[in-house]
């Protein structure tokens, strides 16, 4: 990530912090630390205040790590970058911990203990930064899976209309095949068309309609049924008998 555009960088940071995986991870780590109560926090704080203390500290440490990596990675040479980033994170977290402890406990560490405290935090930060860096490199080094073969159903369409499937709809004895590149009427049964969607994840939401899950943009309830808004083309209805299936597929709230 580059920080040439501060507003763009802040927007990306906001989106990142709002991701469910990040929120759940930080909350889970805070809960574990609150239950364990390390560094004597179990003796001076009740469970709820202790969770609040660790939640603030965990979130702040994560934010410091995020911005240190975002700012320094683009300007540091690859070799040694982890050490410098870990050092900056450790110093930043050390300052925050001292400030938080003073705000919460009116406590300042003895000057003689301060170097050992900072060294400990820096060492922990370097280890965590190194682990995250290795995990990130391993993730980026994994070659992508081979692309799934196109759905056999697409062979029935004109070349210019062959694209990712969006929806299938019955009209008389035909099936209207909707893709991201257009629509085509194909003489066949819906059940046979569904068998030819290949690896496309989808769901039959009505006796006359099938949808590709990735093509559903939003859903709304209308009485005893629901309506799906698709990425391309018109809306698709969900029949009452298929509502449970749609909820299981996370197309509708439970």
Protein backbone atom coordinates (compact mmCIF):
# COMPACT_ATOMS: atom_id res chain seq x y z
CA UNK A 1 0.00 0.00 0.00
CA UNK A 2 1.28 3.49 -0.82
CA UNK A 3 0.42 6.59 1.16
CA UNK A 4 0.70 9.13 -1.67
CA UNK A 5 -3.04 9.76 -1.41
CA UNK A 6 -3.89 10.18 2.30
CA UNK A 7 -7.63 9.98 1.73
CA UNK A 8 -7.29 6.80 -0.30
CA UNK A 9 -4.99 5.30 2.34
CA UNK A 10 -7.44 6.16 5.11
CA UNK A 11 -10.30 4.69 3.09
CA UNK A 12 -8.40 1.42 2.59
CA UNK A 13 -7.52 1.36 6.29
CA UNK A 14 -11.16 1.87 7.24
CA UNK A 15 -12.30 -0.92 4.92
CA UNK A 16 -9.58 -3.22 6.27
CA UNK A 17 -10.47 -2.58 9.91
CA UNK A 18 -14.13 -3.21 9.14
CA UNK A 19 -13.53 -6.67 7.71
CA UNK A 20 -15.27 -9.33 9.83
CA UNK A 21 -12.10 -11.44 10.00
CA UNK A 22 -10.12 -8.53 11.49
CA UNK A 23 -12.85 -7.60 13.98
CA UNK A 24 -13.35 -11.20 15.13
CA UNK A 25 -9.60 -11.81 15.45
CA UNK A 26 -8.98 -8.68 17.53
CA UNK A 27 -12.03 -9.33 19.72
CA UNK A 28 -11.03 -12.96 20.23
CA UNK A 29 -7.47 -12.06 21.20
CA UNK A 30 -8.76 -9.40 23.58
CA UNK A 31 -11.10 -11.92 25.20
CA UNK A 32 -8.27 -14.45 25.67
CA UNK A 33 -6.02 -11.85 27.27
CA UNK A 34 -8.89 -10.67 29.48
CA UNK A 35 -9.48 -14.21 30.73
CA UNK A 36 -5.78 -14.87 31.33
CA UNK A 37 -5.13 -11.44 32.87
CA UNK A 38 -1.38 -11.23 32.17
CA UNK A 39 0.98 -8.67 33.76
CA UNK A 40 -1.16 -8.53 36.89
CA UNK A 41 -4.23 -7.10 35.20
CA UNK A 42 -6.29 -9.91 36.75
CA UNK A 43 -5.49 -8.53 40.20
CA UNK A 44 -6.37 -4.89 39.55
CA UNK A 45 -9.26 -5.07 37.07
CA UNK A 46 -12.53 -6.95 36.93
CA UNK A 47 -13.33 -9.09 33.91
CA UNK A 48 -15.29 -6.46 31.96
CA UNK A 49 -12.85 -3.56 32.56
CA UNK A 50 -10.01 -5.97 31.84
CA UNK A 51 -11.53 -6.86 28.48
CA UNK A 52 -11.86 -3.14 27.71
CA UNK A 53 -8.22 -2.54 28.64
CA UNK A 54 -6.92 -5.34 26.45
CA UNK A 55 -9.30 -4.50 23.60
CA UNK A 56 -7.89 -0.96 23.47
CA UNK A 57 -4.31 -2.22 23.67
CA UNK A 58 -4.78 -4.96 21.05
CA UNK A 59 -6.57 -2.63 18.62
CA UNK A 60 -3.98 0.12 19.06
CA UNK A 61 -1.10 -2.30 18.57
CA UNK A 62 -2.72 -3.61 15.39
CA UNK A 63 -3.26 -0.08 14.06
CA UNK A 64 0.36 0.87 14.83
CA UNK A 65 1.55 -2.27 13.05
CA UNK A 66 -0.70 -1.62 10.06
CA UNK A 67 0.50 1.93 9.50
CA UNK A 68 4.15 1.16 10.22
CA UNK A 69 4.08 -1.55 7.54
CA UNK A 70 2.09 0.63 5.13
CA UNK A 71 4.48 3.58 5.41
CA UNK A 72 7.82 1.79 5.67
CA UNK A 73 7.50 -1.19 3.32
CA UNK A 74 7.44 0.89 0.11
CA UNK A 75 10.58 2.87 1.10
CA UNK A 76 12.73 0.24 2.80
CA UNK A 77 14.89 -2.31 0.97
CA UNK A 78 13.46 -5.80 1.12
CA UNK A 79 16.40 -7.11 3.11
CA UNK A 80 16.14 -5.93 6.69
CA UNK A 81 12.71 -4.34 6.27
CA UNK A 82 11.13 -6.69 8.81
CA UNK A 83 13.69 -5.69 11.45
CA UNK A 84 13.14 -1.97 11.00
CA UNK A 85 9.36 -2.30 10.85
CA UNK A 86 9.36 -4.48 13.98
CA UNK A 87 11.55 -1.93 15.75
CA UNK A 88 9.23 0.95 14.88
CA UNK A 89 6.16 -1.04 15.90
CA UNK A 90 7.78 -2.03 19.19
CA UNK A 91 8.71 1.55 20.04
CA UNK A 92 5.24 2.79 19.10
CA UNK A 93 3.50 0.13 21.16
CA UNK A 94 5.82 0.81 24.11
CA UNK A 95 4.87 4.48 24.12
CA UNK A 96 1.18 3.61 23.89
CA UNK A 97 1.36 1.06 26.73
CA UNK A 98 3.08 3.58 29.01
CA UNK A 99 0.45 6.21 28.17
CA UNK A 100 -2.44 3.75 28.64
CA UNK A 101 -1.12 2.50 31.98
CA UNK A 102 -0.73 6.06 33.19
CA UNK A 103 -4.28 6.93 32.07
CA UNK A 104 -5.84 3.81 33.61
CA UNK A 105 -3.65 3.11 36.65
CA UNK A 106 -1.75 6.41 37.12
CA UNK A 107 1.36 4.27 36.84
CA UNK A 108 4.69 5.11 35.27
CA UNK A 109 7.48 2.52 35.10
CA UNK A 110 10.65 3.06 37.07
CA UNK A 111 13.33 4.62 34.83
CA UNK A 112 15.59 1.71 35.63
CA UNK A 113 12.98 -0.80 34.39
CA UNK A 114 12.12 1.12 31.23
CA UNK A 115 14.92 -0.23 28.97
CA UNK A 116 14.05 -3.84 29.76
CA UNK A 117 10.34 -3.14 29.21
CA UNK A 118 10.96 -1.48 25.82
CA UNK A 119 13.37 -4.25 24.78
CA UNK A 120 10.74 -6.89 25.63
CA UNK A 121 8.00 -5.14 23.64
CA UNK A 122 10.33 -4.56 20.68
CA UNK A 123 11.41 -8.22 20.69
CA UNK A 124 7.78 -9.40 20.74
CA UNK A 125 6.91 -6.96 17.93
CA UNK A 126 9.81 -8.17 15.79
CA UNK A 127 8.80 -11.80 16.24
CA UNK A 128 5.16 -11.10 15.35
CA UNK A 129 6.21 -8.96 12.35
CA UNK A 130 8.52 -11.73 11.13
CA UNK A 131 5.78 -14.37 11.47
CA UNK A 132 3.28 -12.21 9.58
CA UNK A 133 5.85 -11.47 6.88
CA UNK A 134 6.62 -15.16 6.37
CA UNK A 135 2.91 -16.01 6.24
CA UNK A 136 2.33 -13.22 3.70
CA UNK A 137 5.20 -14.39 1.51
CA UNK A 138 3.96 -17.98 1.62
CA UNK A 139 0.44 -16.88 0.67
CA UNK A 140 1.70 -14.84 -2.28
CA UNK A 141 4.01 -17.60 -3.45
CA UNK A 142 1.24 -20.20 -3.76
CA UNK A 143 0.36 -20.47 -7.45
CA UNK A 144 -3.30 -19.88 -8.23
CA UNK A 145 -5.46 -22.88 -8.92
CA UNK A 146 -6.09 -23.70 -12.51
CA UNK A 147 -9.15 -21.93 -13.79
CA UNK A 148 -12.26 -24.05 -13.65
CA UNK A 149 -13.36 -25.24 -17.08
CA UNK A 150 -16.20 -23.20 -18.59
CA UNK A 151 -19.72 -24.42 -17.97
CA UNK A 152 -20.79 -26.90 -20.67
CA UNK A 153 -23.98 -24.88 -21.01
CA UNK A 154 -21.99 -22.04 -22.56
CA UNK A 155 -21.25 -24.21 -25.59
CA UNK A 156 -24.90 -23.78 -26.54
CA UNK A 157 -24.55 -19.98 -26.74
CA UNK A 158 -23.18 -17.73 -29.49
CA UNK A 159 -19.52 -16.87 -28.91
CA UNK A 160 -20.24 -13.23 -28.15
CA UNK A 161 -22.61 -14.20 -25.29
CA UNK A 162 -20.37 -16.69 -23.55
CA UNK A 163 -19.43 -15.33 -20.14
CA UNK A 164 -19.89 -16.08 -16.44
CA UNK A 165 -23.40 -17.37 -15.76
CA UNK A 166 -25.84 -15.06 -14.00
CA UNK A 167 -29.23 -16.80 -14.08
CA UNK A 168 -31.38 -19.40 -15.83
CA UNK A 169 -35.12 -18.86 -16.33
CA UNK A 170 -37.81 -21.04 -17.86
CA UNK A 171 -39.95 -19.57 -20.64
CA UNK A 172 -42.34 -22.10 -22.23
CA UNK A 173 -40.14 -24.95 -23.47
CA UNK A 174 -37.03 -22.79 -23.48
CA UNK A 175 -34.49 -21.71 -20.89
CA UNK A 176 -33.30 -18.12 -20.98
CA UNK A 177 -29.58 -18.33 -20.23
CA UNK A 178 -28.30 -15.05 -18.81
CA UNK A 179 -24.57 -14.34 -18.69
CA UNK A 180 -22.52 -11.22 -18.07
CA UNK A 181 -22.37 -10.79 -21.86
CA UNK A 182 -26.02 -11.15 -22.74
CA UNK A 183 -28.98 -13.56 -22.92
CA UNK A 184 -29.93 -16.43 -25.18
CA UNK A 185 -32.96 -18.71 -25.42
CA UNK A 186 -32.03 -22.41 -25.46
CA UNK A 187 -34.47 -25.25 -26.14
CA UNK A 188 -34.06 -27.51 -23.10
CA UNK A 189 -35.43 -28.21 -19.63
CA UNK A 190 -34.29 -26.22 -16.62
CA UNK A 191 -33.12 -29.36 -14.81
CA UNK A 192 -30.90 -30.25 -17.76
CA UNK A 193 -29.56 -26.70 -17.96
CA UNK A 194 -28.67 -26.77 -14.25
CA UNK A 195 -26.72 -29.99 -14.80
CA UNK A 196 -24.58 -28.09 -17.33
CA UNK A 197 -23.57 -25.14 -15.15
CA UNK A 198 -20.31 -26.93 -14.32
CA UNK A 199 -18.36 -25.52 -11.37
CA UNK A 200 -20.53 -22.40 -11.12
CA UNK A 201 -21.93 -22.18 -7.57
CA UNK A 202 -25.64 -21.59 -7.78
CA UNK A 203 -29.07 -22.30 -6.37
CA UNK A 204 -32.52 -22.97 -7.77
CA UNK A 205 -34.62 -20.34 -6.02
CA UNK A 206 -37.89 -20.96 -7.84
CA UNK A 207 -39.31 -23.74 -9.95
CA UNK A 208 -38.59 -21.51 -12.96
CA UNK A 209 -35.34 -19.81 -11.88
CA UNK A 210 -31.75 -20.65 -10.98
CA UNK A 211 -29.15 -18.06 -9.98
CA UNK A 212 -25.37 -17.99 -9.75
CA UNK A 213 -24.53 -17.07 -6.15
CA UNK A 214 -21.74 -14.65 -7.10
CA UNK A 215 -24.12 -12.74 -9.37
CA UNK A 216 -26.60 -11.88 -6.58
CA UNK A 217 -26.09 -8.26 -5.56
CA UNK A 218 -28.88 -7.80 -3.00
CA UNK A 219 -32.12 -9.30 -1.72
CA UNK A 220 -35.36 -7.97 -0.29
CA UNK A 221 -38.46 -9.55 1.17
CA UNK A 222 -41.87 -9.01 -0.41
CA UNK A 223 -44.58 -10.69 1.61
CA UNK A 224 -44.10 -14.45 1.68
CA UNK A 225 -41.39 -14.44 -0.98
CA UNK A 226 -38.20 -12.56 -1.77
CA UNK A 227 -36.66 -10.76 -4.72
CA UNK A 228 -33.01 -11.03 -5.77
CA UNK A 229 -31.26 -8.19 -7.59
CA UNK A 230 -28.74 -9.60 -10.05
CA UNK A 231 -25.51 -8.15 -11.39
CA UNK A 232 -26.91 -8.24 -14.92
CA UNK A 233 -30.49 -8.17 -16.14
CA UNK A 234 -33.76 -8.13 -14.24
CA UNK A 235 -34.64 -9.30 -10.74
CA UNK A 236 -35.26 -12.96 -9.87
CA UNK A 237 -38.04 -14.06 -7.47
CA UNK A 238 -37.49 -16.53 -4.63
CA UNK A 239 -40.54 -18.68 -4.02
CA UNK A 240 -41.84 -19.30 -0.50
CA UNK A 241 -40.86 -22.97 -0.68
CA UNK A 242 -37.26 -21.98 -1.49
CA UNK A 243 -36.78 -19.33 1.20
CA UNK A 244 -35.06 -21.76 3.57
CA UNK A 245 -32.58 -22.77 0.85
CA UNK A 246 -31.88 -19.11 0.07
CA UNK A 247 -31.21 -18.42 3.76
CA UNK A 248 -28.88 -21.41 3.99
CA UNK A 249 -26.96 -20.05 1.00
CA UNK A 250 -26.73 -16.66 2.80
CA UNK A 251 -28.72 -14.89 0.12
CA UNK A 252 -31.21 -13.84 2.80
CA UNK A 253 -30.81 -13.13 6.51
CA UNK A 254 -31.85 -15.93 8.80
